[in-house]
């Protein structure tokens, strides 16, 4: 019977969704170089690892500068039981990987996650490769390694190449040089920074009451109180076209008067409001204003 990890061991573990070699694992290494990583098959499993005490943190991707929102993640965040305690922006580089001895001229197929294939269209068209959509990038690298077929390639990370013993046939093949994924760092307990500790982000979800102009009125408090809203996205609940939930990121701390007043006004026009996290803004934001 496997031993349960000690508290000190769990404190040094961060979970991510994907197989070993995933970009999410590389983001974990970049943000927390001293922590061990725990690969999880699904986002729910990555959340559960923290909730059940098998990991202290979870690294969860929410959006990409090229492909947009990560599918389904906004549905999962409010129900995860975890809190957002930080964010990390990770520059994604896709490598074209093949087995030992493979050549660019000999390739016929390329396998990867659908967003990665979409982010490398120029190379795929140049080499006239047949695309094979797979669940994730690192899994694609593993499958190419296991098959041993010199005509098959994968789009994955340099870490995946190292783990699965593949050659990088061409490096950094993404079409756009701003290909960046934003991750949320989540934990079981909230860890709010002090209100005066610098640039702070507050993330929350809300539903507006079913009355005319409810969203307009709910958002008015942010404008009148000078609160900058950096993200507002909507998505349907339970397959209903009449039930919409909104996810938002704003600058500021709820203890600051301007955001406190804006949230009070939002709550007046909302049927549901839940703060997901209050956390320091990543330094990446400073260079992208």
C-alpha atoms as a PDB file:
ATOM      1  CA  UNK A   1       0.000   0.000   0.000  1.00  0.00           C
ATOM      2  CA  UNK A   2       1.434   3.376  -1.060  1.00  0.00           C
ATOM      3  CA  UNK A   3       2.360   5.735   1.758  1.00  0.00           C
ATOM      4  CA  UNK A   4       0.524   9.043   2.026  1.00  0.00           C
ATOM      5  CA  UNK A   5       2.886  11.969   1.340  1.00  0.00           C
ATOM      6  CA  UNK A   6       4.006  13.878   4.420  1.00  0.00           C
ATOM      7  CA  UNK A   7       2.909  17.484   4.923  1.00  0.00           C
ATOM      8  CA  UNK A   8       6.412  18.706   4.092  1.00  0.00           C
ATOM      9  CA  UNK A   9       6.464  16.650   0.893  1.00  0.00           C
ATOM     10  CA  UNK A  10       3.033  17.909  -0.208  1.00  0.00           C
ATOM     11  CA  UNK A  11       4.178  21.495   0.421  1.00  0.00           C
ATOM     12  CA  UNK A  12       6.722  21.033  -2.358  1.00  0.00           C
ATOM     13  CA  UNK A  13       4.329  19.601  -4.995  1.00  0.00           C
ATOM     14  CA  UNK A  14       2.419  21.493  -7.698  1.00  0.00           C
ATOM     15  CA  UNK A  15      -0.143  19.742  -9.909  1.00  0.00           C
ATOM     16  CA  UNK A  16      -0.881  20.377 -13.583  1.00  0.00           C
ATOM     17  CA  UNK A  17      -3.116  18.925 -16.282  1.00  0.00           C
ATOM     18  CA  UNK A  18      -1.352  16.887 -18.936  1.00  0.00           C
ATOM     19  CA  UNK A  19       1.348  14.289 -19.398  1.00  0.00           C
ATOM     20  CA  UNK A  20       5.000  14.732 -18.410  1.00  0.00           C
ATOM     21  CA  UNK A  21       6.562  17.229 -20.819  1.00  0.00           C
ATOM     22  CA  UNK A  22       3.452  19.419 -21.163  1.00  0.00           C
ATOM     23  CA  UNK A  23       3.815  23.185 -21.449  1.00  0.00           C
ATOM     24  CA  UNK A  24       1.965  23.384 -18.134  1.00  0.00           C
ATOM     25  CA  UNK A  25       4.790  21.428 -16.515  1.00  0.00           C
ATOM     26  CA  UNK A  26       7.321  23.828 -18.003  1.00  0.00           C
ATOM     27  CA  UNK A  27       5.293  26.724 -16.591  1.00  0.00           C
ATOM     28  CA  UNK A  28       5.481  25.046 -13.164  1.00  0.00           C
ATOM     29  CA  UNK A  29       9.272  24.746 -13.473  1.00  0.00           C
ATOM     30  CA  UNK A  30       9.600  28.373 -14.549  1.00  0.00           C
ATOM     31  CA  UNK A  31       7.390  29.785 -11.779  1.00  0.00           C
ATOM     32  CA  UNK A  32       8.467  27.385  -9.013  1.00  0.00           C
ATOM     33  CA  UNK A  33      11.855  25.896  -9.945  1.00  0.00           C
ATOM     34  CA  UNK A  34      12.245  24.222  -6.559  1.00  0.00           C
ATOM     35  CA  UNK A  35       8.929  22.359  -6.578  1.00  0.00           C
ATOM     36  CA  UNK A  36       8.142  18.836  -7.771  1.00  0.00           C
ATOM     37  CA  UNK A  37       5.390  18.471 -10.370  1.00  0.00           C
ATOM     38  CA  UNK A  38       2.415  16.117 -10.387  1.00  0.00           C
ATOM     39  CA  UNK A  39       0.934  15.238 -13.800  1.00  0.00           C
ATOM     40  CA  UNK A  40      -2.863  14.817 -13.808  1.00  0.00           C
ATOM     41  CA  UNK A  41      -5.088  13.485 -16.637  1.00  0.00           C
ATOM     42  CA  UNK A  42      -7.760  16.211 -16.323  1.00  0.00           C
ATOM     43  CA  UNK A  43      -8.246  19.668 -14.839  1.00  0.00           C
ATOM     44  CA  UNK A  44     -10.599  18.121 -12.273  1.00  0.00           C
ATOM     45  CA  UNK A  45      -7.807  15.758 -11.224  1.00  0.00           C
ATOM     46  CA  UNK A  46      -5.357  18.665 -10.881  1.00  0.00           C
ATOM     47  CA  UNK A  47      -7.846  20.493  -8.635  1.00  0.00           C
ATOM     48  CA  UNK A  48      -8.548  17.321  -6.636  1.00  0.00           C
ATOM     49  CA  UNK A  49      -4.844  16.755  -5.998  1.00  0.00           C
ATOM     50  CA  UNK A  50      -4.791  20.026  -4.033  1.00  0.00           C
ATOM     51  CA  UNK A  51      -8.196  19.559  -2.411  1.00  0.00           C
ATOM     52  CA  UNK A  52      -7.224  16.044  -1.224  1.00  0.00           C
ATOM     53  CA  UNK A  53      -3.808  17.081   0.059  1.00  0.00           C
ATOM     54  CA  UNK A  54      -1.600  15.428  -2.579  1.00  0.00           C
ATOM     55  CA  UNK A  55      -0.264  18.795  -3.800  1.00  0.00           C
ATOM     56  CA  UNK A  56      -0.062  22.289  -2.336  1.00  0.00           C
ATOM     57  CA  UNK A  57      -0.636  24.238  -5.574  1.00  0.00           C
ATOM     58  CA  UNK A  58      -2.202  23.760  -9.000  1.00  0.00           C
ATOM     59  CA  UNK A  59      -1.053  25.467 -12.220  1.00  0.00           C
ATOM     60  CA  UNK A  60      -4.127  25.974 -14.416  1.00  0.00           C
ATOM     61  CA  UNK A  61      -4.124  27.573 -17.912  1.00  0.00           C
ATOM     62  CA  UNK A  62      -7.017  29.956 -18.561  1.00  0.00           C
ATOM     63  CA  UNK A  63      -6.208  31.747 -21.815  1.00  0.00           C
ATOM     64  CA  UNK A  64      -3.733  31.965 -24.663  1.00  0.00           C
ATOM     65  CA  UNK A  65      -2.823  35.086 -26.652  1.00  0.00           C
ATOM     66  CA  UNK A  66      -3.426  33.208 -29.937  1.00  0.00           C
ATOM     67  CA  UNK A  67      -6.164  30.636 -29.231  1.00  0.00           C
ATOM     68  CA  UNK A  68      -8.146  32.541 -26.604  1.00  0.00           C
ATOM     69  CA  UNK A  69      -9.946  30.997 -23.637  1.00  0.00           C
ATOM     70  CA  UNK A  70      -9.091  27.458 -22.543  1.00  0.00           C
ATOM     71  CA  UNK A  71     -12.245  25.395 -23.101  1.00  0.00           C
ATOM     72  CA  UNK A  72     -14.421  24.618 -20.052  1.00  0.00           C
ATOM     73  CA  UNK A  73     -12.032  26.098 -17.510  1.00  0.00           C
ATOM     74  CA  UNK A  74     -14.361  28.924 -16.444  1.00  0.00           C
ATOM     75  CA  UNK A  75     -17.052  26.346 -15.651  1.00  0.00           C
ATOM     76  CA  UNK A  76     -14.605  24.452 -13.433  1.00  0.00           C
ATOM     77  CA  UNK A  77     -12.985  27.318 -11.523  1.00  0.00           C
ATOM     78  CA  UNK A  78     -15.997  28.311  -9.353  1.00  0.00           C
ATOM     79  CA  UNK A  79     -16.638  24.682  -8.387  1.00  0.00           C
ATOM     80  CA  UNK A  80     -13.021  23.684  -7.761  1.00  0.00           C
ATOM     81  CA  UNK A  81     -13.053  24.542  -4.055  1.00  0.00           C
ATOM     82  CA  UNK A  82      -9.709  26.314  -4.538  1.00  0.00           C
ATOM     83  CA  UNK A  83      -8.608  29.951  -4.488  1.00  0.00           C
ATOM     84  CA  UNK A  84      -6.535  31.898  -7.001  1.00  0.00           C
ATOM     85  CA  UNK A  85      -3.382  33.065  -5.229  1.00  0.00           C
ATOM     86  CA  UNK A  86      -1.291  34.122  -8.222  1.00  0.00           C
ATOM     87  CA  UNK A  87      -0.858  34.169 -11.979  1.00  0.00           C
ATOM     88  CA  UNK A  88       1.959  33.286 -14.357  1.00  0.00           C
ATOM     89  CA  UNK A  89       2.445  34.195 -18.017  1.00  0.00           C
ATOM     90  CA  UNK A  90       4.370  31.537 -19.934  1.00  0.00           C
ATOM     91  CA  UNK A  91       5.839  32.065 -23.407  1.00  0.00           C
ATOM     92  CA  UNK A  92       4.941  28.976 -25.438  1.00  0.00           C
ATOM     93  CA  UNK A  93       7.463  27.584 -27.927  1.00  0.00           C
ATOM     94  CA  UNK A  94       6.429  24.641 -30.102  1.00  0.00           C
ATOM     95  CA  UNK A  95       9.097  22.225 -31.341  1.00  0.00           C
ATOM     96  CA  UNK A  96       8.696  19.886 -34.308  1.00  0.00           C
ATOM     97  CA  UNK A  97       9.758  16.520 -32.906  1.00  0.00           C
ATOM     98  CA  UNK A  98      10.606  13.241 -34.611  1.00  0.00           C
ATOM     99  CA  UNK A  99      12.248   9.943 -33.785  1.00  0.00           C
ATOM    100  CA  UNK A 100      15.987   9.469 -34.172  1.00  0.00           C
ATOM    101  CA  UNK A 101      16.882   9.472 -37.853  1.00  0.00           C
ATOM    102  CA  UNK A 102      13.741  11.280 -39.010  1.00  0.00           C
ATOM    103  CA  UNK A 103      14.141  14.109 -41.518  1.00  0.00           C
ATOM    104  CA  UNK A 104      11.942  17.025 -42.533  1.00  0.00           C
ATOM    105  CA  UNK A 105      11.697  15.707 -46.087  1.00  0.00           C
ATOM    106  CA  UNK A 106      10.524  12.316 -44.874  1.00  0.00           C
ATOM    107  CA  UNK A 107       7.669  13.544 -42.697  1.00  0.00           C
ATOM    108  CA  UNK A 108       4.064  12.843 -43.693  1.00  0.00           C
ATOM    109  CA  UNK A 109       2.017  13.511 -40.544  1.00  0.00           C
ATOM    110  CA  UNK A 110       2.126  15.789 -37.525  1.00  0.00           C
ATOM    111  CA  UNK A 111       0.281  15.070 -34.294  1.00  0.00           C
ATOM    112  CA  UNK A 112      -0.603  17.513 -31.491  1.00  0.00           C
ATOM    113  CA  UNK A 113      -3.315  19.224 -29.518  1.00  0.00           C
ATOM    114  CA  UNK A 114      -5.684  21.205 -31.768  1.00  0.00           C
ATOM    115  CA  UNK A 115      -4.615  24.665 -30.524  1.00  0.00           C
ATOM    116  CA  UNK A 116      -0.943  23.806 -31.123  1.00  0.00           C
ATOM    117  CA  UNK A 117      -1.701  22.678 -34.663  1.00  0.00           C
ATOM    118  CA  UNK A 118      -3.532  25.948 -35.249  1.00  0.00           C
ATOM    119  CA  UNK A 119      -0.586  27.930 -33.909  1.00  0.00           C
ATOM    120  CA  UNK A 120       1.848  26.299 -36.382  1.00  0.00           C
ATOM    121  CA  UNK A 121      -0.074  26.496 -39.668  1.00  0.00           C
ATOM    122  CA  UNK A 122       2.807  27.997 -41.653  1.00  0.00           C
ATOM    123  CA  UNK A 123       5.136  25.097 -40.964  1.00  0.00           C
ATOM    124  CA  UNK A 124       2.410  22.490 -41.531  1.00  0.00           C
ATOM    125  CA  UNK A 125       1.541  24.024 -44.907  1.00  0.00           C
ATOM    126  CA  UNK A 126       5.196  24.395 -45.853  1.00  0.00           C
ATOM    127  CA  UNK A 127       5.927  20.707 -45.212  1.00  0.00           C
ATOM    128  CA  UNK A 128       2.500  19.590 -46.529  1.00  0.00           C
ATOM    129  CA  UNK A 129       1.844  17.480 -43.449  1.00  0.00           C
ATOM    130  CA  UNK A 130      -1.383  15.685 -42.597  1.00  0.00           C
ATOM    131  CA  UNK A 131      -2.646  16.908 -39.226  1.00  0.00           C
ATOM    132  CA  UNK A 132      -3.679  14.462 -36.486  1.00  0.00           C
ATOM    133  CA  UNK A 133      -5.504  16.029 -33.547  1.00  0.00           C
ATOM    134  CA  UNK A 134      -4.686  14.574 -30.138  1.00  0.00           C
ATOM    135  CA  UNK A 135      -5.557  15.263 -26.492  1.00  0.00           C
ATOM    136  CA  UNK A 136      -2.362  17.113 -25.625  1.00  0.00           C
ATOM    137  CA  UNK A 137       1.097  18.033 -26.849  1.00  0.00           C
ATOM    138  CA  UNK A 138       3.194  15.874 -24.525  1.00  0.00           C
ATOM    139  CA  UNK A 139       0.974  12.845 -25.145  1.00  0.00           C
ATOM    140  CA  UNK A 140       1.522  13.350 -28.867  1.00  0.00           C
ATOM    141  CA  UNK A 141       5.279  13.284 -28.332  1.00  0.00           C
ATOM    142  CA  UNK A 142       4.992  10.060 -26.329  1.00  0.00           C
ATOM    143  CA  UNK A 143       2.862   8.432 -29.036  1.00  0.00           C
ATOM    144  CA  UNK A 144       5.353   9.372 -31.770  1.00  0.00           C
ATOM    145  CA  UNK A 145       8.206   7.961 -29.675  1.00  0.00           C
ATOM    146  CA  UNK A 146       6.313   4.717 -29.009  1.00  0.00           C
ATOM    147  CA  UNK A 147       5.390   4.258 -32.680  1.00  0.00           C
ATOM    148  CA  UNK A 148       8.984   4.748 -33.875  1.00  0.00           C
ATOM    149  CA  UNK A 149       7.741   5.906 -37.290  1.00  0.00           C
ATOM    150  CA  UNK A 150      10.219   8.300 -39.003  1.00  0.00           C
ATOM    151  CA  UNK A 151       7.399   9.756 -41.127  1.00  0.00           C
ATOM    152  CA  UNK A 152       5.431  10.901 -38.056  1.00  0.00           C
ATOM    153  CA  UNK A 153       6.141  14.090 -36.101  1.00  0.00           C
ATOM    154  CA  UNK A 154       4.718  15.822 -33.058  1.00  0.00           C
ATOM    155  CA  UNK A 155       4.392  19.442 -32.005  1.00  0.00           C
ATOM    156  CA  UNK A 156       5.406  19.622 -28.363  1.00  0.00           C
ATOM    157  CA  UNK A 157       7.857  21.181 -25.922  1.00  0.00           C
ATOM    158  CA  UNK A 158      11.610  20.858 -25.634  1.00  0.00           C
ATOM    159  CA  UNK A 159      10.977  19.106 -22.302  1.00  0.00           C
ATOM    160  CA  UNK A 160       8.854  16.495 -24.089  1.00  0.00           C
ATOM    161  CA  UNK A 161      11.701  15.923 -26.551  1.00  0.00           C
ATOM    162  CA  UNK A 162      14.037  15.294 -23.630  1.00  0.00           C
ATOM    163  CA  UNK A 163      11.639  13.009 -21.745  1.00  0.00           C
ATOM    164  CA  UNK A 164      10.665  10.834 -24.725  1.00  0.00           C
ATOM    165  CA  UNK A 165      14.025  10.764 -26.507  1.00  0.00           C
ATOM    166  CA  UNK A 166      12.949  12.630 -29.643  1.00  0.00           C
ATOM    167  CA  UNK A 167      14.949  14.906 -31.925  1.00  0.00           C
ATOM    168  CA  UNK A 168      13.983  18.541 -32.449  1.00  0.00           C
ATOM    169  CA  UNK A 169      13.706  18.659 -36.245  1.00  0.00           C
ATOM    170  CA  UNK A 170      12.894  22.381 -36.215  1.00  0.00           C
ATOM    171  CA  UNK A 171      12.792  24.649 -33.183  1.00  0.00           C
ATOM    172  CA  UNK A 172      10.292  27.351 -32.196  1.00  0.00           C
ATOM    173  CA  UNK A 173       7.898  26.773 -35.082  1.00  0.00           C
ATOM    174  CA  UNK A 174       4.907  28.777 -33.757  1.00  0.00           C
ATOM    175  CA  UNK A 175       3.560  31.312 -36.273  1.00  0.00           C
ATOM    176  CA  UNK A 176       3.458  34.286 -33.891  1.00  0.00           C
ATOM    177  CA  UNK A 177       6.139  35.521 -31.532  1.00  0.00           C
ATOM    178  CA  UNK A 178       3.662  36.595 -28.824  1.00  0.00           C
ATOM    179  CA  UNK A 179       2.292  33.099 -28.204  1.00  0.00           C
ATOM    180  CA  UNK A 180       1.767  33.305 -24.436  1.00  0.00           C
ATOM    181  CA  UNK A 181      -0.447  31.371 -22.036  1.00  0.00           C
ATOM    182  CA  UNK A 182      -1.770  32.837 -18.805  1.00  0.00           C
ATOM    183  CA  UNK A 183      -1.928  30.421 -15.879  1.00  0.00           C
ATOM    184  CA  UNK A 184      -3.672  30.746 -12.530  1.00  0.00           C
ATOM    185  CA  UNK A 185      -1.888  29.457  -9.437  1.00  0.00           C
ATOM    186  CA  UNK A 186      -4.432  27.911  -7.094  1.00  0.00           C
ATOM    187  CA  UNK A 187      -4.383  26.608  -3.534  1.00  0.00           C
ATOM    188  CA  UNK A 188      -6.740  25.298  -0.870  1.00  0.00           C
ATOM    189  CA  UNK A 189      -6.611  28.425   1.272  1.00  0.00           C
ATOM    190  CA  UNK A 190      -6.783  32.102   0.217  1.00  0.00           C
ATOM    191  CA  UNK A 191      -3.610  34.165   0.595  1.00  0.00           C
ATOM    192  CA  UNK A 192      -4.565  37.755  -0.085  1.00  0.00           C
ATOM    193  CA  UNK A 193      -1.810  40.373  -0.391  1.00  0.00           C
ATOM    194  CA  UNK A 194      -2.040  43.602   1.582  1.00  0.00           C
ATOM    195  CA  UNK A 195      -4.173  46.266  -0.155  1.00  0.00           C
ATOM    196  CA  UNK A 196      -1.189  48.609  -0.463  1.00  0.00           C
ATOM    197  CA  UNK A 197       1.310  45.999  -1.723  1.00  0.00           C
ATOM    198  CA  UNK A 198       1.352  47.054  -5.372  1.00  0.00           C
ATOM    199  CA  UNK A 199      -0.569  45.986  -8.484  1.00  0.00           C
ATOM    200  CA  UNK A 200      -3.294  43.547  -7.385  1.00  0.00           C
ATOM    201  CA  UNK A 201      -5.836  41.570  -9.428  1.00  0.00           C
ATOM    202  CA  UNK A 202      -9.248  40.466  -8.159  1.00  0.00           C
ATOM    203  CA  UNK A 203     -11.059  37.684 -10.056  1.00  0.00           C
ATOM    204  CA  UNK A 204     -14.737  36.841  -9.600  1.00  0.00           C
ATOM    205  CA  UNK A 205     -17.805  35.320 -11.231  1.00  0.00           C
ATOM    206  CA  UNK A 206     -21.313  36.759 -11.136  1.00  0.00           C
ATOM    207  CA  UNK A 207     -24.795  36.406 -12.558  1.00  0.00           C
ATOM    208  CA  UNK A 208     -27.064  39.383 -13.153  1.00  0.00           C
ATOM    209  CA  UNK A 209     -30.726  39.572 -12.288  1.00  0.00           C
ATOM    210  CA  UNK A 210     -33.158  38.948 -15.136  1.00  0.00           C
ATOM    211  CA  UNK A 211     -34.225  42.588 -15.543  1.00  0.00           C
ATOM    212  CA  UNK A 212     -33.689  45.073 -18.407  1.00  0.00           C
ATOM    213  CA  UNK A 213     -30.202  46.629 -18.576  1.00  0.00           C
ATOM    214  CA  UNK A 214     -29.029  44.639 -15.539  1.00  0.00           C
ATOM    215  CA  UNK A 215     -25.538  44.070 -16.930  1.00  0.00           C
ATOM    216  CA  UNK A 216     -25.177  47.718 -17.933  1.00  0.00           C
ATOM    217  CA  UNK A 217     -26.184  48.834 -14.449  1.00  0.00           C
ATOM    218  CA  UNK A 218     -23.989  46.228 -12.756  1.00  0.00           C
ATOM    219  CA  UNK A 219     -20.943  47.391 -14.715  1.00  0.00           C
ATOM    220  CA  UNK A 220     -21.665  51.063 -14.061  1.00  0.00           C
ATOM    221  CA  UNK A 221     -20.132  50.934 -10.620  1.00  0.00           C
ATOM    222  CA  UNK A 222     -16.720  50.055 -12.016  1.00  0.00           C
ATOM    223  CA  UNK A 223     -16.777  53.043 -14.367  1.00  0.00           C
ATOM    224  CA  UNK A 224     -18.005  55.569 -11.814  1.00  0.00           C
ATOM    225  CA  UNK A 225     -15.452  54.390  -9.235  1.00  0.00           C
ATOM    226  CA  UNK A 226     -12.543  54.355 -11.680  1.00  0.00           C
ATOM    227  CA  UNK A 227     -11.899  50.598 -11.503  1.00  0.00           C
ATOM    228  CA  UNK A 228     -10.119  49.108 -14.517  1.00  0.00           C
ATOM    229  CA  UNK A 229     -11.698  45.851 -15.733  1.00  0.00           C
ATOM    230  CA  UNK A 230      -9.113  43.855 -17.667  1.00  0.00           C
ATOM    231  CA  UNK A 231     -11.340  40.900 -18.568  1.00  0.00           C
ATOM    232  CA  UNK A 232     -15.069  40.188 -18.862  1.00  0.00           C
ATOM    233  CA  UNK A 233     -16.290  36.944 -20.409  1.00  0.00           C
ATOM    234  CA  UNK A 234     -19.690  35.283 -20.474  1.00  0.00           C
ATOM    235  CA  UNK A 235     -20.658  31.634 -20.739  1.00  0.00           C
ATOM    236  CA  UNK A 236     -23.880  29.645 -20.551  1.00  0.00           C
ATOM    237  CA  UNK A 237     -24.855  27.666 -17.462  1.00  0.00           C
ATOM    238  CA  UNK A 238     -26.308  24.153 -17.635  1.00  0.00           C
ATOM    239  CA  UNK A 239     -26.925  24.400 -21.368  1.00  0.00           C
ATOM    240  CA  UNK A 240     -29.465  27.171 -20.935  1.00  0.00           C
ATOM    241  CA  UNK A 241     -29.597  30.193 -23.221  1.00  0.00           C
ATOM    242  CA  UNK A 242     -31.274  32.150 -20.425  1.00  0.00           C
ATOM    243  CA  UNK A 243     -28.706  31.483 -17.684  1.00  0.00           C
ATOM    244  CA  UNK A 244     -25.447  33.337 -18.209  1.00  0.00           C
ATOM    245  CA  UNK A 245     -22.509  33.622 -15.844  1.00  0.00           C
ATOM    246  CA  UNK A 246     -19.731  36.177 -16.210  1.00  0.00           C
ATOM    247  CA  UNK A 247     -16.066  35.858 -15.315  1.00  0.00           C
ATOM    248  CA  UNK A 248     -14.147  39.076 -14.629  1.00  0.00           C
ATOM    249  CA  UNK A 249     -10.664  40.297 -13.678  1.00  0.00           C
ATOM    250  CA  UNK A 250     -10.258  43.813 -12.294  1.00  0.00           C
ATOM    251  CA  UNK A 251      -7.361  45.871 -11.004  1.00  0.00           C
ATOM    252  CA  UNK A 252      -7.441  46.471  -7.278  1.00  0.00           C
ATOM    253  CA  UNK A 253      -8.115  44.939  -3.862  1.00  0.00           C
ATOM    254  CA  UNK A 254     -11.659  44.586  -2.415  1.00  0.00           C
ATOM    255  CA  UNK A 255     -10.454  46.404   0.706  1.00  0.00           C
ATOM    256  CA  UNK A 256      -9.724  49.506  -1.374  1.00  0.00           C
ATOM    257  CA  UNK A 257     -12.630  51.956  -1.358  1.00  0.00           C
ATOM    258  CA  UNK A 258     -13.058  52.206  -5.149  1.00  0.00           C
ATOM    259  CA  UNK A 259     -13.312  48.459  -5.719  1.00  0.00           C
ATOM    260  CA  UNK A 260     -15.381  47.915  -2.565  1.00  0.00           C
ATOM    261  CA  UNK A 261     -17.997  50.384  -3.799  1.00  0.00           C
ATOM    262  CA  UNK A 262     -17.969  48.889  -7.309  1.00  0.00           C
ATOM    263  CA  UNK A 263     -18.517  45.381  -5.933  1.00  0.00           C
ATOM    264  CA  UNK A 264     -21.333  46.601  -3.681  1.00  0.00           C
ATOM    265  CA  UNK A 265     -23.113  48.069  -6.695  1.00  0.00           C
ATOM    266  CA  UNK A 266     -22.475  44.890  -8.698  1.00  0.00           C
ATOM    267  CA  UNK A 267     -23.924  42.794  -5.877  1.00  0.00           C
ATOM    268  CA  UNK A 268     -27.093  44.925  -5.849  1.00  0.00           C
ATOM    269  CA  UNK A 269     -27.819  43.966  -9.467  1.00  0.00           C
ATOM    270  CA  UNK A 270     -26.516  40.377  -9.198  1.00  0.00           C
ATOM    271  CA  UNK A 271     -28.235  37.157  -8.231  1.00  0.00           C
ATOM    272  CA  UNK A 272     -24.840  35.591  -7.489  1.00  0.00           C
ATOM    273  CA  UNK A 273     -21.332  36.955  -6.849  1.00  0.00           C
ATOM    274  CA  UNK A 274     -18.280  34.906  -5.871  1.00  0.00           C
ATOM    275  CA  UNK A 275     -14.717  36.146  -5.419  1.00  0.00           C
ATOM    276  CA  UNK A 276     -12.314  33.533  -6.825  1.00  0.00           C
ATOM    277  CA  UNK A 277      -9.106  35.183  -5.710  1.00  0.00           C
ATOM    278  CA  UNK A 278      -7.187  38.341  -4.812  1.00  0.00           C
ATOM    279  CA  UNK A 279      -3.540  38.119  -5.855  1.00  0.00           C
ATOM    280  CA  UNK A 280      -0.459  40.037  -7.039  1.00  0.00           C
ATOM    281  CA  UNK A 281      -0.337  40.891 -10.755  1.00  0.00           C
ATOM    282  CA  UNK A 282       2.438  39.127 -12.656  1.00  0.00           C
ATOM    283  CA  UNK A 283       5.321  41.291 -13.886  1.00  0.00           C
ATOM    284  CA  UNK A 284       4.371  40.382 -17.496  1.00  0.00           C
ATOM    285  CA  UNK A 285       1.516  42.897 -17.257  1.00  0.00           C
ATOM    286  CA  UNK A 286       3.972  45.762 -16.745  1.00  0.00           C
ATOM    287  CA  UNK A 287       5.492  45.209 -20.180  1.00  0.00           C
ATOM    288  CA  UNK A 288       2.144  44.881 -21.945  1.00  0.00           C
ATOM    289  CA  UNK A 289       0.327  48.047 -20.946  1.00  0.00           C
END
